[in-house]
Amino acid sequence: MKRLFLTVLLLAGCSAQETEHLEVTIEASKQNVEAFEPITITAQIEAGEKPVTENAEVDFELINPNGQTIGTVNPINNGDGTYSIETSFDASGVYRIISHVDYEEMHEMPEVEVKVK
């Protein structure tokens, strides 16, 4: 009986490895812009404190002030763990940009807001 219990404990210990954590930070080059003024949106992606430079699926969802999705854009992989787009907005209001990031079996979707005057 002791041998069975010890075997179960050893197996449980082997499967209790720490899961890698996905960290995504999204930023806008400017928080307040004029209509049609270009801005850069960048997502910094790390897994286990290391930059994710490949094998990530990344999309930026652009949402207008009415809460409707304008569209989804595939950002450029800059090769250093950052993914970016350059865009502009044509009307005043607060726009939201949500980054949808899938890496291995993890998913994160942080967002940033940009106010257009």
C-alpha atoms as a PDB file:
ATOM      1  CA  MET A   1       0.000   0.000   0.000  1.00  0.00           C
ATOM      2  CA  LYS A   2       2.842   2.408   0.841  1.00  0.00           C
ATOM      3  CA  ARG A   3       4.498   1.621  -2.493  1.00  0.00           C
ATOM      4  CA  LEU A   4       1.302   2.495  -4.431  1.00  0.00           C
ATOM      5  CA  PHE A   5       0.896   5.774  -2.522  1.00  0.00           C
ATOM      6  CA  LEU A   6       4.531   6.744  -3.183  1.00  0.00           C
ATOM      7  CA  THR A   7       4.143   5.979  -6.906  1.00  0.00           C
ATOM      8  CA  VAL A   8       1.037   8.170  -7.111  1.00  0.00           C
ATOM      9  CA  LEU A   9       2.864  11.029  -5.376  1.00  0.00           C
ATOM     10  CA  LEU A  10       5.816  10.760  -7.774  1.00  0.00           C
ATOM     11  CA  LEU A  11       3.546  10.785 -10.820  1.00  0.00           C
ATOM     12  CA  ALA A  12       1.609  13.767  -9.474  1.00  0.00           C
ATOM     13  CA  GLY A  13       4.867  15.645  -8.868  1.00  0.00           C
ATOM     14  CA  CYS A  14       6.039  15.047 -12.438  1.00  0.00           C
ATOM     15  CA  SER A  15       2.815  16.387 -13.955  1.00  0.00           C
ATOM     16  CA  ALA A  16       2.703  19.478 -11.756  1.00  0.00           C
ATOM     17  CA  GLN A  17       5.134  21.483 -13.884  1.00  0.00           C
ATOM     18  CA  GLU A  18       4.641  25.226 -13.945  1.00  0.00           C
ATOM     19  CA  THR A  19       2.720  26.403 -16.987  1.00  0.00           C
ATOM     20  CA  GLU A  20       4.445  29.045 -19.085  1.00  0.00           C
ATOM     21  CA  HIS A  21       2.788  32.461 -18.710  1.00  0.00           C
ATOM     22  CA  LEU A  22       1.887  34.621 -21.710  1.00  0.00           C
ATOM     23  CA  GLU A  23       2.349  38.354 -21.175  1.00  0.00           C
ATOM     24  CA  VAL A  24       1.003  40.798 -23.767  1.00  0.00           C
ATOM     25  CA  THR A  25       1.306  44.573 -23.499  1.00  0.00           C
ATOM     26  CA  ILE A  26      -0.320  46.802 -26.121  1.00  0.00           C
ATOM     27  CA  GLU A  27       0.524  50.482 -26.573  1.00  0.00           C
ATOM     28  CA  ALA A  28      -0.327  53.335 -28.909  1.00  0.00           C
ATOM     29  CA  SER A  29       2.405  55.758 -29.963  1.00  0.00           C
ATOM     30  CA  LYS A  30      -0.044  58.561 -29.025  1.00  0.00           C
ATOM     31  CA  GLN A  31      -3.142  58.473 -26.822  1.00  0.00           C
ATOM     32  CA  ASN A  32      -4.666  61.668 -28.285  1.00  0.00           C
ATOM     33  CA  VAL A  33      -4.616  62.341 -32.020  1.00  0.00           C
ATOM     34  CA  GLU A  34      -6.294  64.383 -34.711  1.00  0.00           C
ATOM     35  CA  ALA A  35      -8.464  62.702 -37.351  1.00  0.00           C
ATOM     36  CA  PHE A  36      -6.310  61.067 -40.057  1.00  0.00           C
ATOM     37  CA  GLU A  37      -3.137  61.485 -37.962  1.00  0.00           C
ATOM     38  CA  PRO A  38      -1.054  58.297 -38.262  1.00  0.00           C
ATOM     39  CA  ILE A  39      -0.245  56.362 -35.111  1.00  0.00           C
ATOM     40  CA  THR A  40       1.553  53.110 -34.410  1.00  0.00           C
ATOM     41  CA  ILE A  41      -0.031  50.371 -32.320  1.00  0.00           C
ATOM     42  CA  THR A  42       2.451  47.860 -30.870  1.00  0.00           C
ATOM     43  CA  ALA A  43       1.988  44.639 -28.905  1.00  0.00           C
ATOM     44  CA  GLN A  44       4.941  43.319 -26.892  1.00  0.00           C
ATOM     45  CA  ILE A  45       4.583  39.549 -26.418  1.00  0.00           C
ATOM     46  CA  GLU A  46       6.550  37.445 -23.936  1.00  0.00           C
ATOM     47  CA  ALA A  47       6.221  33.861 -22.749  1.00  0.00           C
ATOM     48  CA  GLY A  48       8.183  32.910 -19.670  1.00  0.00           C
ATOM     49  CA  GLU A  49       9.897  36.326 -19.757  1.00  0.00           C
ATOM     50  CA  LYS A  50      11.275  35.625 -23.265  1.00  0.00           C
ATOM     51  CA  PRO A  51      10.154  37.523 -26.388  1.00  0.00           C
ATOM     52  CA  VAL A  52       7.815  35.566 -28.652  1.00  0.00           C
ATOM     53  CA  THR A  53       9.400  36.027 -32.062  1.00  0.00           C
ATOM     54  CA  GLU A  54       7.576  33.275 -33.984  1.00  0.00           C
ATOM     55  CA  ASN A  55       4.657  30.847 -33.937  1.00  0.00           C
ATOM     56  CA  ALA A  56       2.228  33.401 -32.483  1.00  0.00           C
ATOM     57  CA  GLU A  57      -1.078  34.252 -34.104  1.00  0.00           C
ATOM     58  CA  VAL A  58      -1.663  37.983 -33.632  1.00  0.00           C
ATOM     59  CA  ASP A  59      -4.540  40.169 -34.835  1.00  0.00           C
ATOM     60  CA  PHE A  60      -5.537  43.708 -33.896  1.00  0.00           C
ATOM     61  CA  GLU A  61      -9.276  44.362 -33.744  1.00  0.00           C
ATOM     62  CA  LEU A  62     -10.236  48.003 -34.320  1.00  0.00           C
ATOM     63  CA  ILE A  63     -13.452  49.163 -32.628  1.00  0.00           C
ATOM     64  CA  ASN A  64     -15.143  52.516 -33.321  1.00  0.00           C
ATOM     65  CA  PRO A  65     -16.687  54.837 -30.680  1.00  0.00           C
ATOM     66  CA  ASN A  66     -20.089  53.130 -31.194  1.00  0.00           C
ATOM     67  CA  GLY A  67     -18.611  49.786 -30.122  1.00  0.00           C
ATOM     68  CA  GLN A  68     -18.695  48.273 -33.601  1.00  0.00           C
ATOM     69  CA  THR A  69     -15.747  46.418 -35.079  1.00  0.00           C
ATOM     70  CA  ILE A  70     -14.208  48.348 -37.974  1.00  0.00           C
ATOM     71  CA  GLY A  71     -12.014  45.426 -38.958  1.00  0.00           C
ATOM     72  CA  THR A  72      -9.174  43.144 -37.989  1.00  0.00           C
ATOM     73  CA  VAL A  73      -5.570  43.735 -39.070  1.00  0.00           C
ATOM     74  CA  ASN A  74      -2.619  41.333 -39.029  1.00  0.00           C
ATOM     75  CA  PRO A  75       0.342  43.244 -37.593  1.00  0.00           C
ATOM     76  CA  ILE A  76       3.915  43.068 -38.804  1.00  0.00           C
ATOM     77  CA  ASN A  77       6.182  40.762 -36.791  1.00  0.00           C
ATOM     78  CA  ASN A  78       9.208  42.938 -36.025  1.00  0.00           C
ATOM     79  CA  GLY A  79      11.277  39.870 -35.018  1.00  0.00           C
ATOM     80  CA  ASP A  80      11.974  41.065 -31.482  1.00  0.00           C
ATOM     81  CA  GLY A  81       8.737  40.078 -29.729  1.00  0.00           C
ATOM     82  CA  THR A  82       6.882  43.169 -30.937  1.00  0.00           C
ATOM     83  CA  TYR A  83       4.067  43.198 -33.486  1.00  0.00           C
ATOM     84  CA  SER A  84       2.841  46.505 -34.919  1.00  0.00           C
ATOM     85  CA  ILE A  85       0.567  48.343 -37.307  1.00  0.00           C
ATOM     86  CA  GLU A  86       0.333  51.937 -38.447  1.00  0.00           C
ATOM     87  CA  THR A  87      -3.196  53.299 -38.755  1.00  0.00           C
ATOM     88  CA  SER A  88      -5.344  56.409 -38.458  1.00  0.00           C
ATOM     89  CA  PHE A  89      -8.966  57.122 -37.634  1.00  0.00           C
ATOM     90  CA  ASP A  90     -11.298  59.357 -39.634  1.00  0.00           C
ATOM     91  CA  ALA A  91     -13.746  60.688 -37.019  1.00  0.00           C
ATOM     92  CA  SER A  92     -13.670  61.977 -33.458  1.00  0.00           C
ATOM     93  CA  GLY A  93     -14.312  59.727 -30.481  1.00  0.00           C
ATOM     94  CA  VAL A  94     -12.616  57.032 -28.438  1.00  0.00           C
ATOM     95  CA  TYR A  95     -11.431  54.022 -30.418  1.00  0.00           C
ATOM     96  CA  ARG A  96     -10.393  50.706 -28.863  1.00  0.00           C
ATOM     97  CA  ILE A  97      -7.742  48.398 -30.247  1.00  0.00           C
ATOM     98  CA  ILE A  98      -7.790  44.831 -28.910  1.00  0.00           C
ATOM     99  CA  SER A  99      -4.843  42.547 -29.583  1.00  0.00           C
ATOM    100  CA  HIS A 100      -5.850  38.903 -29.960  1.00  0.00           C
ATOM    101  CA  VAL A 101      -2.783  36.762 -29.290  1.00  0.00           C
ATOM    102  CA  ASP A 102      -2.655  32.965 -29.483  1.00  0.00           C
ATOM    103  CA  TYR A 103       0.591  31.249 -28.592  1.00  0.00           C
ATOM    104  CA  GLU A 104       0.824  27.524 -27.978  1.00  0.00           C
ATOM    105  CA  GLU A 105      -2.320  26.874 -25.909  1.00  0.00           C
ATOM    106  CA  MET A 106      -2.506  30.372 -24.390  1.00  0.00           C
ATOM    107  CA  HIS A 107      -4.703  33.317 -25.386  1.00  0.00           C
ATOM    108  CA  GLU A 108      -4.533  36.952 -24.271  1.00  0.00           C
ATOM    109  CA  MET A 109      -6.442  39.991 -25.492  1.00  0.00           C
ATOM    110  CA  PRO A 110      -5.392  43.257 -23.852  1.00  0.00           C
ATOM    111  CA  GLU A 111      -6.580  46.548 -25.292  1.00  0.00           C
ATOM    112  CA  VAL A 112      -5.630  50.185 -25.608  1.00  0.00           C
ATOM    113  CA  GLU A 113      -7.761  53.277 -26.236  1.00  0.00           C
ATOM    114  CA  VAL A 114      -7.022  56.187 -28.551  1.00  0.00           C
ATOM    115  CA  LYS A 115      -8.952  59.458 -28.386  1.00  0.00           C
ATOM    116  CA  VAL A 116      -9.465  61.201 -31.732  1.00  0.00           C
ATOM    117  CA  LYS A 117     -10.257  64.934 -31.598  1.00  0.00           C
END
